[in-house]
Amino acid sequence: MIKIPPYLKNGDTVGFVCPSGFMSFEKVIESINVFQEWGYKVKIGTTIGGNSKNYFSGTDEKRFFDLQKMLDDDSVKAIFFARGGYGLSRIIDKLDFTKFQEVPKWVIGFSDITILHSHILSKYKIATLHAPMAAAFSNGQHENEFVLSLRKALRGDEINYKTAAHDFNKKGEVVGELVGGNLALLTHLLGTPSDFDTKGKILFLEDVGEYLYNIDRMLLQLKRSNKLKDLAALIIGGFTDCKDTERPFGKTVYEIINDVVKEYDYPVCFDFSVSHTTKNYALKIGVKYKLKVEESVSFVEIRS
């Protein structure tokens, strides 16, 4: 049974942290302001703008302590990750989720935060929120449907998304629990304590900045690890800023993905709006959805 953290109400506190790559306070301030406009209080962690000397937002110890403090803080009802990047896998095994299990709270983010999503779902059966981070709020973009989908998810509105047809889509209708996130991070988690179960699940994948051959390799790793075999369905999001080698790989990224999964009978949806671009709907990981792939695609949360 999956635990659903309490939805937020006016006056609740949201903690802001950077457990991975550095992000300046100036680039986070707009998202802080918007959360306050939405009616929430904000508690700023020490890793927001906390280091400018190297890639990370602080030492492993500092990033661990900041996140652990937010996990244990009774006044914090959700944790918003300002950015991803790289670094969570350096501290994930040190984190203590004892209090978090007793009093779950929404964990919000994507990219490197995929590690937390997978870890929390697989070990503690608690739902999390794959959703836009601080950069999505910049330049007034907080009024677009994707950032607003985060607001709706946090206050408990039912998720109901639609998307256009794609030539590689495979029709069908299923109900299943949602798992997934960033392809590179999911592959990184194979064989670790944060590994994820895909049997009977709806799996979604997205990525950014990868070489085409590397996407092929990571998908084959998932396939050989039996992560693609017994899915209820597969959702393919954006694979943006892909790179090719001097001697071309010879296929587009969606052609690569289609070739890897075309033998399976379950429904497949391509070009869903979950990505490293502004097109990034909030998705509750661990929650059941109905996916219907026909002339168009609908994706609806199932409420018990």
Protein backbone atom coordinates (compact mmCIF):
# COMPACT_ATOMS: atom_id res chain seq x y z
CA MET A 1 0.00 0.00 0.00
CA ILE A 2 1.45 3.35 -1.05
CA LYS A 3 1.37 6.18 1.49
CA ILE A 4 0.27 9.56 0.09
CA PRO A 5 1.76 12.51 1.99
CA PRO A 6 -0.78 15.12 3.15
CA TYR A 7 -1.62 17.72 0.53
CA LEU A 8 -0.66 21.29 1.36
CA LYS A 9 -2.94 23.95 2.74
CA ASN A 10 -2.47 27.70 3.12
CA GLY A 11 0.18 28.55 5.68
CA ASP A 12 2.08 25.27 5.36
CA THR A 13 5.88 25.48 5.16
CA VAL A 14 7.93 24.33 2.16
CA GLY A 15 11.65 23.71 2.65
CA PHE A 16 14.05 24.74 -0.13
CA VAL A 17 17.33 22.83 -0.55
CA CYS A 18 19.99 22.01 -3.14
CA PRO A 19 21.26 18.48 -2.39
CA SER A 20 23.31 18.21 -5.58
CA GLY A 21 24.63 20.95 -7.88
CA PHE A 22 25.14 24.59 -6.90
CA MET A 23 22.48 27.19 -7.62
CA SER A 24 22.77 30.84 -6.65
CA PHE A 25 20.17 32.40 -4.39
CA GLU A 26 19.39 34.92 -7.14
CA LYS A 27 18.20 32.08 -9.40
CA VAL A 28 15.97 30.62 -6.69
CA ILE A 29 14.34 33.83 -5.43
CA GLU A 30 11.58 33.88 -8.06
CA SER A 31 10.39 30.40 -7.11
CA ILE A 32 10.50 31.38 -3.43
CA ASN A 33 8.33 34.39 -4.16
CA VAL A 34 5.83 32.31 -6.14
CA PHE A 35 5.46 29.71 -3.38
CA GLN A 36 4.74 32.56 -0.98
CA GLU A 37 2.19 33.98 -3.43
CA TRP A 38 0.57 30.54 -3.47
CA GLY A 39 0.02 30.92 0.27
CA TYR A 40 2.92 28.88 1.66
CA LYS A 41 5.68 29.77 4.09
CA VAL A 42 9.23 29.05 2.96
CA LYS A 43 12.21 27.77 4.94
CA ILE A 44 15.56 28.22 3.15
CA GLY A 45 18.22 25.56 3.59
CA THR A 46 21.92 26.36 3.90
CA THR A 47 22.63 24.78 0.49
CA ILE A 48 20.66 27.44 -1.41
CA GLY A 49 23.47 29.60 -2.77
CA GLY A 50 25.68 27.84 -0.26
CA ASN A 51 28.88 27.36 -2.24
CA SER A 52 30.52 28.94 -5.28
CA LYS A 53 33.92 27.22 -5.28
CA ASN A 54 33.06 24.05 -7.19
CA TYR A 55 30.22 22.13 -8.83
CA PHE A 56 28.35 21.16 -5.66
CA SER A 57 26.12 23.25 -3.41
CA GLY A 58 28.36 22.34 -0.49
CA THR A 59 30.44 19.49 0.85
CA ASP A 60 28.85 16.04 1.06
CA GLU A 61 28.50 16.58 4.81
CA LYS A 62 26.81 19.97 4.41
CA ARG A 63 24.40 18.71 1.74
CA PHE A 64 23.54 15.63 3.81
CA PHE A 65 22.94 17.69 6.95
CA ASP A 66 20.75 20.24 5.15
CA LEU A 67 18.51 17.59 3.57
CA GLN A 68 18.37 15.48 6.75
CA LYS A 69 17.26 18.54 8.70
CA MET A 70 14.39 19.16 6.24
CA LEU A 71 13.35 15.49 6.34
CA ASP A 72 13.16 15.62 10.16
CA ASP A 73 11.64 19.09 10.58
CA ASP A 74 8.03 18.74 11.77
CA SER A 75 7.18 22.24 10.54
CA VAL A 76 8.19 21.43 6.93
CA LYS A 77 5.33 19.82 4.98
CA ALA A 78 7.11 19.54 1.59
CA ILE A 79 10.70 19.72 0.34
CA PHE A 80 11.34 21.60 -2.90
CA PHE A 81 14.64 20.89 -4.63
CA ALA A 82 15.89 24.01 -6.38
CA ARG A 83 17.94 22.04 -8.91
CA GLY A 84 19.35 18.64 -9.74
CA GLY A 85 22.65 18.12 -11.49
CA TYR A 86 24.76 15.51 -9.70
CA GLY A 87 25.44 14.67 -6.09
CA LEU A 88 22.56 12.83 -4.41
CA SER A 89 24.11 9.42 -4.94
CA ARG A 90 27.06 10.60 -2.80
CA ILE A 91 24.82 11.06 0.26
CA ILE A 92 21.72 8.88 -0.26
CA ASP A 93 22.96 5.97 1.88
CA LYS A 94 23.69 8.27 4.83
CA LEU A 95 20.16 9.69 5.03
CA ASP A 96 17.88 8.49 7.83
CA PHE A 97 14.24 8.24 6.75
CA THR A 98 12.88 7.04 10.12
CA LYS A 99 11.00 10.22 10.93
CA PHE A 100 10.04 10.77 7.30
CA GLN A 101 8.36 7.34 7.29
CA GLU A 102 6.34 8.28 10.35
CA VAL A 103 5.30 11.67 8.97
CA PRO A 104 5.66 11.66 5.15
CA LYS A 105 5.99 14.92 3.24
CA TRP A 106 6.09 15.71 -0.46
CA VAL A 107 9.52 15.49 -2.11
CA ILE A 108 9.51 17.72 -5.21
CA GLY A 109 11.94 17.75 -8.13
CA PHE A 110 13.35 15.81 -11.09
CA SER A 111 16.65 15.02 -12.86
CA ASP A 112 19.11 13.99 -10.09
CA ILE A 113 16.15 13.91 -7.70
CA THR A 114 15.15 10.71 -9.53
CA ILE A 115 17.45 9.00 -7.02
CA LEU A 116 15.27 10.12 -4.12
CA HIS A 117 12.04 9.27 -5.94
CA SER A 118 13.20 5.72 -6.60
CA HIS A 119 14.76 5.24 -3.16
CA ILE A 120 11.72 6.47 -1.23
CA LEU A 121 9.23 4.46 -3.30
CA SER A 122 11.17 1.21 -3.37
CA LYS A 123 12.21 1.20 0.30
CA TYR A 124 9.38 3.04 2.06
CA LYS A 125 6.36 2.89 -0.30
CA ILE A 126 5.76 6.64 -0.08
CA ALA A 127 4.61 8.75 -3.05
CA THR A 128 6.77 11.63 -4.28
CA LEU A 129 6.38 14.38 -6.86
CA HIS A 130 8.39 14.50 -10.11
CA ALA A 131 7.93 18.17 -10.99
CA PRO A 132 9.48 21.46 -12.16
CA MET A 133 12.26 23.03 -10.10
CA ALA A 134 13.43 26.61 -9.58
CA ALA A 135 14.56 27.32 -13.16
CA ALA A 136 11.01 26.69 -14.41
CA PHE A 137 9.78 29.72 -12.44
CA SER A 138 12.17 32.24 -14.00
CA ASN A 139 11.21 35.05 -16.38
CA GLY A 140 7.55 34.91 -15.43
CA GLN A 141 7.10 31.31 -16.56
CA HIS A 142 5.40 30.36 -13.29
CA GLU A 143 2.04 31.07 -14.94
CA ASN A 144 2.39 28.34 -17.57
CA GLU A 145 0.39 25.11 -17.30
CA PHE A 146 3.40 23.03 -16.28
CA VAL A 147 4.40 25.04 -13.23
CA LEU A 148 0.73 25.41 -12.36
CA SER A 149 0.42 21.62 -12.53
CA LEU A 150 2.82 21.53 -9.56
CA ARG A 151 0.57 23.89 -7.61
CA LYS A 152 -2.47 21.76 -8.40
CA ALA A 153 -0.69 18.55 -7.40
CA LEU A 154 0.44 20.00 -4.07
CA ARG A 155 -3.07 21.06 -3.10
CA GLY A 156 -4.52 17.69 -4.08
CA ASP A 157 -6.23 18.45 -7.38
CA GLU A 158 -6.77 15.39 -9.57
CA ILE A 159 -4.18 14.99 -12.31
CA ASN A 160 -5.66 14.77 -15.81
CA TYR A 161 -3.33 15.37 -18.76
CA LYS A 162 -3.81 15.02 -22.49
CA THR A 163 -1.28 14.91 -25.30
CA ALA A 164 -1.30 14.51 -29.07
CA ALA A 165 -0.82 11.30 -31.00
CA HIS A 166 2.61 10.20 -32.24
CA ASP A 167 3.50 7.86 -35.10
CA PHE A 168 5.34 5.46 -32.76
CA ASN A 169 2.53 5.26 -30.21
CA LYS A 170 1.15 1.81 -29.46
CA LYS A 171 -2.55 1.88 -28.61
CA GLY A 172 -4.13 0.49 -25.48
CA GLU A 173 -5.61 1.31 -22.09
CA VAL A 174 -4.11 0.33 -18.72
CA VAL A 175 -4.17 1.20 -15.03
CA GLY A 176 -0.92 1.04 -13.13
CA GLU A 177 1.33 2.58 -10.53
CA LEU A 178 3.71 5.20 -11.94
CA VAL A 179 7.49 4.83 -11.67
CA GLY A 180 10.37 6.40 -13.53
CA GLY A 181 12.28 9.59 -14.14
CA ASN A 182 15.61 10.38 -15.72
CA LEU A 183 16.97 7.51 -17.85
CA ALA A 184 20.62 8.05 -16.89
CA LEU A 185 19.82 8.11 -13.17
CA LEU A 186 17.53 5.07 -13.34
CA THR A 187 20.28 3.13 -15.08
CA HIS A 188 22.72 4.41 -12.43
CA LEU A 189 20.49 2.90 -9.70
CA LEU A 190 20.40 -0.65 -11.08
CA GLY A 191 21.74 -3.12 -8.53
CA THR A 192 21.79 -0.56 -5.70
CA PRO A 193 19.58 -0.31 -2.58
CA SER A 194 17.63 2.38 -4.47
CA ASP A 195 16.77 0.07 -7.40
CA PHE A 196 13.19 0.15 -8.66
CA ASP A 197 10.52 -2.41 -9.52
CA THR A 198 8.76 -2.05 -12.89
CA LYS A 199 6.61 -5.19 -13.04
CA GLY A 200 3.02 -4.20 -13.78
CA LYS A 201 3.94 -0.52 -13.56
CA ILE A 202 3.65 2.45 -15.93
CA LEU A 203 7.24 3.52 -16.52
CA PHE A 204 8.14 7.01 -17.75
CA LEU A 205 11.54 8.10 -19.08
CA GLU A 206 13.17 11.39 -20.05
CA ASP A 207 16.72 12.70 -20.44
CA VAL A 208 18.87 15.59 -21.61
CA GLY A 209 22.25 16.14 -23.24
CA GLU A 210 23.12 12.50 -23.90
CA TYR A 211 24.85 11.02 -26.92
CA LEU A 212 22.51 8.91 -29.04
CA TYR A 213 24.64 5.79 -28.66
CA ASN A 214 24.56 6.22 -24.89
CA ILE A 215 20.75 6.37 -24.88
CA ASP A 216 20.74 3.12 -26.86
CA ARG A 217 23.17 1.58 -24.37
CA MET A 218 21.17 2.65 -21.31
CA LEU A 219 17.91 1.36 -22.77
CA LEU A 220 19.56 -1.98 -23.52
CA GLN A 221 20.80 -2.06 -19.92
CA LEU A 222 17.22 -1.62 -18.71
CA LYS A 223 16.08 -4.28 -21.15
CA ARG A 224 18.74 -6.79 -20.14
CA SER A 225 17.88 -6.11 -16.50
CA ASN A 226 14.24 -7.06 -17.26
CA LYS A 227 12.99 -3.58 -16.42
CA LEU A 228 11.11 -3.26 -19.73
CA LYS A 229 9.71 -6.76 -20.06
CA ASP A 230 6.63 -6.79 -17.81
CA LEU A 231 5.49 -3.18 -17.84
CA ALA A 232 1.85 -2.17 -17.86
CA ALA A 233 2.81 0.69 -20.21
CA LEU A 234 5.68 2.95 -21.20
CA ILE A 235 5.67 6.75 -21.43
CA ILE A 236 8.49 8.45 -23.32
CA GLY A 237 9.00 12.10 -22.50
CA GLY A 238 11.45 14.60 -23.92
CA PHE A 239 14.96 13.55 -24.86
CA THR A 240 16.38 17.01 -25.45
CA ASP A 241 19.73 18.38 -26.61
CA CYS A 242 20.85 14.96 -27.79
CA LYS A 243 24.32 14.74 -29.29
CA ASP A 244 25.66 12.58 -32.11
CA THR A 245 29.13 11.27 -32.80
CA GLU A 246 31.26 12.40 -35.74
CA ARG A 247 30.21 9.22 -37.51
CA PRO A 248 26.40 9.39 -37.14
CA PHE A 249 24.58 6.79 -35.09
CA GLY A 250 22.00 6.62 -37.88
CA LYS A 251 18.73 6.94 -35.96
CA THR A 252 16.79 9.64 -34.16
CA VAL A 253 16.34 9.27 -30.42
CA TYR A 254 12.71 8.19 -30.76
CA GLU A 255 13.69 5.67 -33.46
CA ILE A 256 16.26 4.24 -31.04
CA ILE A 257 13.67 3.90 -28.28
CA ASN A 258 11.04 2.45 -30.62
CA ASP A 259 13.45 -0.20 -31.87
CA VAL A 260 14.26 -1.30 -28.31
CA VAL A 261 10.62 -1.64 -27.15
CA LYS A 262 8.69 -2.52 -30.32
CA GLU A 263 8.60 -6.24 -29.46
CA TYR A 264 6.46 -5.62 -26.37
CA ASP A 265 2.66 -5.63 -26.46
CA TYR A 266 1.92 -2.98 -23.84
CA PRO A 267 0.80 0.58 -24.73
CA VAL A 268 3.55 3.08 -25.48
CA CYS A 269 3.18 6.87 -25.54
CA PHE A 270 5.84 9.06 -27.16
CA ASP A 271 6.47 12.78 -26.74
CA PHE A 272 4.69 13.16 -23.40
CA SER A 273 5.32 16.52 -21.69
CA VAL A 274 7.84 15.47 -19.07
CA SER A 275 11.33 16.73 -19.79
CA HIS A 276 14.19 19.12 -19.01
CA THR A 277 12.38 21.83 -20.99
CA THR A 278 9.46 23.99 -19.87
CA LYS A 279 7.15 21.12 -20.93
CA ASN A 280 7.29 19.24 -17.66
CA TYR A 281 4.04 18.20 -15.99
CA ALA A 282 3.97 17.32 -12.29
CA LEU A 283 3.66 13.53 -11.86
CA LYS A 284 2.99 11.68 -8.61
CA ILE A 285 5.36 8.74 -8.47
CA GLY A 286 3.89 5.68 -6.75
CA VAL A 287 0.31 6.75 -7.49
CA LYS A 288 -2.05 4.83 -9.82
CA TYR A 289 -3.01 6.31 -13.18
CA LYS A 290 -5.10 5.30 -16.14
CA LEU A 291 -3.24 5.71 -19.42
CA LYS A 292 -5.32 5.60 -22.60
CA VAL A 293 -3.42 5.70 -25.90
CA GLU A 294 -5.78 6.15 -28.82
CA GLU A 295 -5.97 8.90 -31.49
CA SER A 296 -4.85 11.15 -28.63
CA VAL A 297 -3.48 10.28 -25.21
CA SER A 298 -5.09 10.80 -21.81
CA PHE A 299 -3.39 10.29 -18.47
CA VAL A 300 -5.65 10.42 -15.43
CA GLU A 301 -4.95 9.89 -11.75
CA ILE A 302 -6.95 7.12 -10.09
CA ARG A 303 -8.36 8.07 -6.69
CA SER A 304 -9.22 5.26 -4.28
